[in-house]
Protein backbone atom coordinates (compact mmCIF):
# COMPACT_ATOMS: atom_id res chain seq x y z
CA UNK A 1 -55.02 -32.15 -147.10
CA UNK A 2 -54.04 -31.40 -143.45
CA UNK A 3 -50.59 -32.12 -141.49
CA UNK A 4 -50.61 -33.66 -137.87
CA UNK A 5 -47.45 -34.11 -136.17
CA UNK A 6 -46.70 -37.04 -133.77
CA UNK A 7 -45.32 -35.66 -130.85
CA UNK A 8 -42.68 -37.36 -128.47
CA UNK A 9 -44.29 -38.17 -125.21
CA UNK A 10 -41.17 -38.38 -122.80
CA UNK A 11 -37.37 -37.67 -123.28
CA UNK A 12 -35.13 -40.53 -124.04
CA UNK A 13 -34.01 -42.23 -127.35
CA UNK A 14 -36.09 -42.77 -130.08
CA UNK A 15 -36.18 -46.00 -131.89
CA UNK A 16 -37.87 -46.98 -135.19
CA UNK A 17 -37.57 -50.58 -135.07
CA UNK A 18 -38.44 -52.99 -132.39
CA UNK A 19 -34.79 -54.31 -132.00
CA UNK A 20 -31.73 -54.22 -134.22
CA UNK A 21 -32.38 -57.18 -136.40
CA UNK A 22 -36.08 -56.34 -136.76
CA UNK A 23 -36.99 -53.74 -139.78
CA UNK A 24 -38.61 -50.36 -138.92
CA UNK A 25 -42.31 -50.42 -137.37
CA UNK A 26 -43.26 -47.95 -140.48
CA UNK A 27 -41.61 -46.59 -143.97
CA UNK A 28 -41.81 -43.32 -144.95
CA UNK A 29 -45.20 -43.08 -146.89
CA UNK A 30 -46.96 -45.81 -145.36
CA UNK A 31 -51.00 -45.33 -144.55
CA UNK A 32 -51.11 -45.69 -140.91
CA UNK A 33 -54.30 -46.16 -138.64
CA UNK A 34 -54.86 -44.32 -135.37
CA UNK A 35 -53.15 -46.18 -132.75
CA UNK A 36 -50.22 -47.84 -135.05
CA UNK A 37 -46.94 -48.03 -133.53
CA UNK A 38 -44.20 -46.18 -135.39
CA UNK A 39 -41.42 -46.16 -132.77
CA UNK A 40 -40.34 -46.22 -129.18
CA UNK A 41 -39.13 -44.31 -126.82
CA UNK A 42 -36.13 -45.87 -124.38
CA UNK A 43 -35.42 -44.02 -120.95
CA UNK A 44 -33.20 -45.93 -118.59
CA UNK A 45 -34.13 -49.37 -120.12
CA UNK A 46 -38.07 -48.97 -120.46
CA UNK A 47 -39.58 -48.71 -123.46
CA UNK A 48 -42.76 -46.77 -124.37
CA UNK A 49 -44.55 -47.01 -127.34
CA UNK A 50 -45.10 -44.24 -129.82
CA UNK A 51 -48.79 -44.11 -131.67
CA UNK A 52 -50.20 -41.97 -133.94
CA UNK A 53 -53.13 -40.01 -133.04
CA UNK A 54 -54.89 -40.15 -136.03
CA UNK A 55 -55.21 -41.78 -139.56
CA UNK A 56 -53.44 -41.29 -142.97
CA UNK A 57 -50.05 -41.16 -144.55
CA UNK A 58 -46.87 -41.06 -142.60
CA UNK A 59 -45.20 -38.47 -145.04
CA UNK A 60 -41.55 -38.67 -143.26
CA UNK A 61 -39.97 -38.84 -139.54
CA UNK A 62 -38.12 -35.67 -138.12
CA UNK A 63 -35.92 -37.49 -136.21
CA UNK A 64 -33.37 -39.92 -136.86
CA UNK A 65 -33.36 -43.80 -135.53
CA UNK A 66 -31.48 -43.81 -132.29
CA UNK A 67 -31.55 -39.71 -132.05
CA UNK A 68 -32.05 -37.86 -128.47
CA UNK A 69 -35.90 -36.74 -127.95
CA UNK A 70 -37.34 -34.49 -125.59
CA UNK A 71 -41.06 -34.29 -124.59
CA UNK A 72 -43.30 -32.43 -127.20
CA UNK A 73 -40.73 -32.60 -129.84
CA UNK A 74 -42.45 -33.78 -133.49
CA UNK A 75 -41.48 -37.34 -134.43
CA UNK A 76 -42.82 -37.43 -137.92
CA UNK A 77 -45.53 -35.86 -140.06
CA UNK A 78 -49.25 -37.55 -140.97
CA UNK A 79 -51.11 -36.23 -143.70
CA UNK A 80 -54.75 -36.47 -143.32
CA UNK A 81 -57.39 -36.28 -146.01
């Protein structure tokens, strides 16, 4: 099995939930398909979706919810078959 890093597309703040009172987009260990939204990056009140590029199992997130992030920073690991 191979591992694929989901990289941050832009600088900002990473959110694992669509809103504070909502559940996380994806839990660790969940099966995801290409295009699955796993989080949001907020920059100056603009939100951009973070999507996985390959299907597999989301092994774990590499950053905390509401953490500051930079472009190219690994956000999560996906294990592919």
